[in-house]
Amino acid sequence: MSRPSARERLLDAAVAVVRREGAQALTLDAVAAEAGVSKGGLLYHFRSKRDLLDALVERWLDGWQAEVDADESGDGFVAAFVRASHLGGAGQAERADETALLAALVGQPEVLAAARDRYAVWQDRVEREGGDPVDATVARLAADGLWLADLLGLAPPQGKLREAVLARLLDLATEHD
């Protein structure tokens, strides 16, 4: 396995700071200390806290997109999006990273612009490629809700109920003749 780049190590350090100490502790000094680099070394890769947050959001969105793109089921974008929305594909560490990122974004909501832009692209694909645009949009929105319930521990469905919910979402997400 290849060693992560300095930039990736700094992003991992930022997530570690938020997971351990909370979003209010996310400072450039704290990230540099966590990564074992000078603040100047951090500033070489990220000119500001905003740049760091933008990179965290971009990495999160790219990771989500990669999960969707890697889906080889052949039943379309919306179904792949639904499958990427639940814990089945991602491990607890990745979900912890997402929780840390969301906590950090609470203090800087303008950073969500990248997520809003990416979701607009995804919603356009949902409407164009998902068969019935209403069913496909309901599937996307419900998948987002399932992801959030998993992420925050908001009584996500378990066992057979979860399987049935996912099956229903996939049915909505899959174009029917």
Protein backbone atom coordinates (compact mmCIF):
# COMPACT_ATOMS: atom_id res chain seq x y z
CA MET A 1 0.00 0.00 0.00
CA SER A 2 1.34 3.44 -0.88
CA ARG A 3 2.01 6.02 1.78
CA PRO A 4 -0.50 8.89 1.92
CA SER A 5 0.63 12.25 0.59
CA ALA A 6 1.49 15.08 2.96
CA ARG A 7 -1.80 16.73 2.01
CA GLU A 8 -3.76 13.56 2.89
CA ARG A 9 -1.92 13.23 6.19
CA LEU A 10 -2.87 16.81 7.04
CA LEU A 11 -6.52 16.13 6.19
CA ASP A 12 -6.42 13.00 8.34
CA ALA A 13 -4.93 15.07 11.16
CA ALA A 14 -7.74 17.62 10.87
CA VAL A 15 -10.32 14.85 11.17
CA ALA A 16 -8.48 13.39 14.17
CA VAL A 17 -8.52 16.77 15.95
CA VAL A 18 -12.27 17.18 15.44
CA ARG A 19 -13.05 13.59 16.45
CA ARG A 20 -11.00 13.85 19.63
CA GLU A 21 -11.61 17.44 20.73
CA GLY A 22 -14.64 18.71 18.81
CA ALA A 23 -15.13 21.16 15.97
CA GLN A 24 -14.23 24.20 18.08
CA ALA A 25 -10.69 22.79 18.44
CA LEU A 26 -10.06 22.73 14.69
CA THR A 27 -7.31 25.31 14.29
CA LEU A 28 -4.34 25.37 11.98
CA ASP A 29 -2.03 25.10 14.98
CA ALA A 30 -3.88 22.01 16.27
CA VAL A 31 -3.79 20.33 12.86
CA ALA A 32 -0.07 21.05 12.42
CA ALA A 33 0.66 19.65 15.87
CA GLU A 34 -1.45 16.55 15.19
CA ALA A 35 0.34 15.96 11.90
CA GLY A 36 3.77 16.60 13.41
CA VAL A 37 4.61 19.44 11.02
CA SER A 38 5.28 23.12 11.45
CA LYS A 39 2.48 25.58 10.88
CA GLY A 40 4.46 26.76 7.84
CA GLY A 41 4.41 23.19 6.52
CA LEU A 42 0.64 23.14 6.91
CA LEU A 43 0.29 26.56 5.27
CA TYR A 44 2.27 25.27 2.27
CA HIS A 45 -0.67 22.95 1.52
CA PHE A 46 -3.58 24.98 2.95
CA ARG A 47 -3.36 28.79 3.05
CA SER A 48 -6.18 29.07 5.59
CA LYS A 49 -8.63 27.15 7.72
CA ARG A 50 -11.19 27.70 4.98
CA ASP A 51 -8.88 26.04 2.43
CA LEU A 52 -8.48 23.11 4.80
CA LEU A 53 -12.26 22.79 5.26
CA ASP A 54 -12.82 23.07 1.51
CA ALA A 55 -10.36 20.23 0.96
CA LEU A 56 -12.09 18.10 3.61
CA VAL A 57 -15.45 18.62 1.92
CA GLU A 58 -13.99 17.87 -1.49
CA ARG A 59 -12.41 14.65 -0.22
CA TRP A 60 -15.70 13.59 1.37
CA LEU A 61 -17.68 14.28 -1.83
CA ASP A 62 -15.07 12.59 -4.02
CA GLY A 63 -15.17 9.54 -1.76
CA TRP A 64 -18.95 9.37 -2.04
CA GLN A 65 -18.74 9.77 -5.81
CA ALA A 66 -16.12 7.00 -5.98
CA GLU A 67 -18.46 4.65 -4.07
CA VAL A 68 -21.26 5.41 -6.54
CA ASP A 69 -18.96 5.05 -9.55
CA ALA A 70 -17.54 1.75 -8.26
CA ASP A 71 -20.99 0.19 -8.06
CA GLU A 72 -21.05 -2.48 -10.74
CA SER A 73 -24.65 -3.62 -10.33
CA GLY A 74 -25.65 -2.09 -13.65
CA ASP A 75 -29.00 -0.82 -12.38
CA GLY A 76 -28.21 2.89 -12.65
CA PHE A 77 -27.01 5.95 -10.83
CA VAL A 78 -29.90 6.28 -8.37
CA ALA A 79 -29.62 2.67 -7.18
CA ALA A 80 -25.85 3.09 -6.79
CA PHE A 81 -26.47 6.30 -4.81
CA VAL A 82 -28.88 4.45 -2.52
CA ARG A 83 -26.39 1.67 -1.91
CA ALA A 84 -23.59 4.18 -1.18
CA SER A 85 -25.83 5.89 1.39
CA HIS A 86 -25.80 3.17 4.00
CA LEU A 87 -23.07 1.76 6.20
CA GLY A 88 -22.72 -1.42 4.18
CA GLY A 89 -19.92 -0.04 2.01
CA ALA A 90 -18.11 2.23 4.45
CA GLY A 91 -16.44 1.29 7.66
CA GLN A 92 -16.89 2.91 11.02
CA ALA A 93 -13.69 4.96 10.56
CA GLU A 94 -15.01 6.54 7.36
CA ARG A 95 -18.34 7.36 9.02
CA ALA A 96 -16.48 8.84 11.98
CA ASP A 97 -14.60 11.04 9.50
CA GLU A 98 -17.94 12.18 8.07
CA THR A 99 -19.26 12.97 11.54
CA ALA A 100 -16.14 15.00 12.31
CA LEU A 101 -16.47 16.86 9.03
CA LEU A 102 -20.13 17.71 9.62
CA ALA A 103 -19.30 18.97 13.10
CA ALA A 104 -16.60 21.24 11.67
CA LEU A 105 -19.00 22.57 9.04
CA VAL A 106 -21.48 23.75 11.65
CA GLY A 107 -19.14 26.64 12.43
CA GLN A 108 -18.50 27.47 8.75
CA PRO A 109 -21.69 26.81 6.76
CA GLU A 110 -20.37 28.71 3.71
CA VAL A 111 -18.06 25.74 3.14
CA LEU A 112 -21.17 23.72 2.28
CA ALA A 113 -21.30 25.48 -1.10
CA ALA A 114 -19.22 22.67 -2.65
CA ALA A 115 -21.60 20.05 -1.27
CA ARG A 116 -24.60 22.00 -2.54
CA ASP A 117 -23.02 22.23 -6.00
CA ARG A 118 -22.22 18.50 -6.10
CA TYR A 119 -25.69 17.56 -4.88
CA ALA A 120 -27.22 19.73 -7.62
CA VAL A 121 -25.26 17.70 -10.19
CA TRP A 122 -26.35 14.45 -8.54
CA GLN A 123 -30.00 15.55 -8.40
CA ASP A 124 -29.87 16.41 -12.10
CA ARG A 125 -28.63 12.86 -12.77
CA VAL A 126 -31.36 11.46 -10.53
CA GLU A 127 -34.01 13.27 -12.58
CA ARG A 128 -32.48 12.35 -15.95
CA GLU A 129 -31.41 8.78 -15.29
CA GLY A 130 -33.70 7.44 -12.60
CA GLY A 131 -36.83 6.51 -14.52
CA ASP A 132 -39.71 8.29 -12.83
CA PRO A 133 -38.13 11.51 -11.49
CA VAL A 134 -40.46 11.61 -8.47
CA ASP A 135 -39.68 8.02 -7.40
CA ALA A 136 -35.98 8.55 -8.04
CA THR A 137 -35.94 11.78 -6.01
CA VAL A 138 -37.83 10.14 -3.14
CA ALA A 139 -35.23 7.33 -3.20
CA ARG A 140 -32.35 9.83 -3.11
CA LEU A 141 -33.87 11.86 -0.30
CA ALA A 142 -34.68 8.75 1.74
CA ALA A 143 -31.16 7.42 1.16
CA ASP A 144 -29.77 10.72 2.45
CA GLY A 145 -32.01 10.35 5.51
CA LEU A 146 -30.85 6.78 6.08
CA TRP A 147 -27.22 7.91 5.79
CA LEU A 148 -27.82 10.68 8.34
CA ALA A 149 -29.62 8.30 10.71
CA ASP A 150 -26.67 5.91 10.49
CA LEU A 151 -24.13 8.69 10.86
CA LEU A 152 -25.68 10.28 13.92
CA GLY A 153 -27.19 7.16 15.48
CA LEU A 154 -30.73 8.49 15.05
CA ALA A 155 -32.51 5.13 15.44
CA PRO A 156 -31.56 3.76 12.03
CA PRO A 157 -33.58 0.69 11.06
CA GLN A 158 -31.83 -2.61 11.77
CA GLY A 159 -32.03 -6.22 10.64
CA LYS A 160 -34.92 -7.31 8.44
CA LEU A 161 -36.57 -3.88 8.58
CA ARG A 162 -33.38 -2.28 7.23
CA GLU A 163 -33.17 -4.85 4.47
CA ALA A 164 -36.80 -4.18 3.53
CA VAL A 165 -36.27 -0.40 3.55
CA LEU A 166 -33.21 -0.73 1.31
CA ALA A 167 -35.09 -3.08 -1.03
CA ARG A 168 -37.94 -0.55 -1.31
CA LEU A 169 -35.51 2.29 -1.99
CA LEU A 170 -33.74 0.24 -4.64
CA ASP A 171 -37.11 -0.57 -6.20
CA LEU A 172 -37.91 3.15 -6.37
CA ALA A 173 -34.43 3.85 -7.70
CA THR A 174 -34.54 1.30 -10.48
CA GLU A 175 -36.26 2.14 -13.74
CA HIS A 176 -39.14 -0.21 -14.54
CA ASP A 177 -40.68 -0.97 -17.93
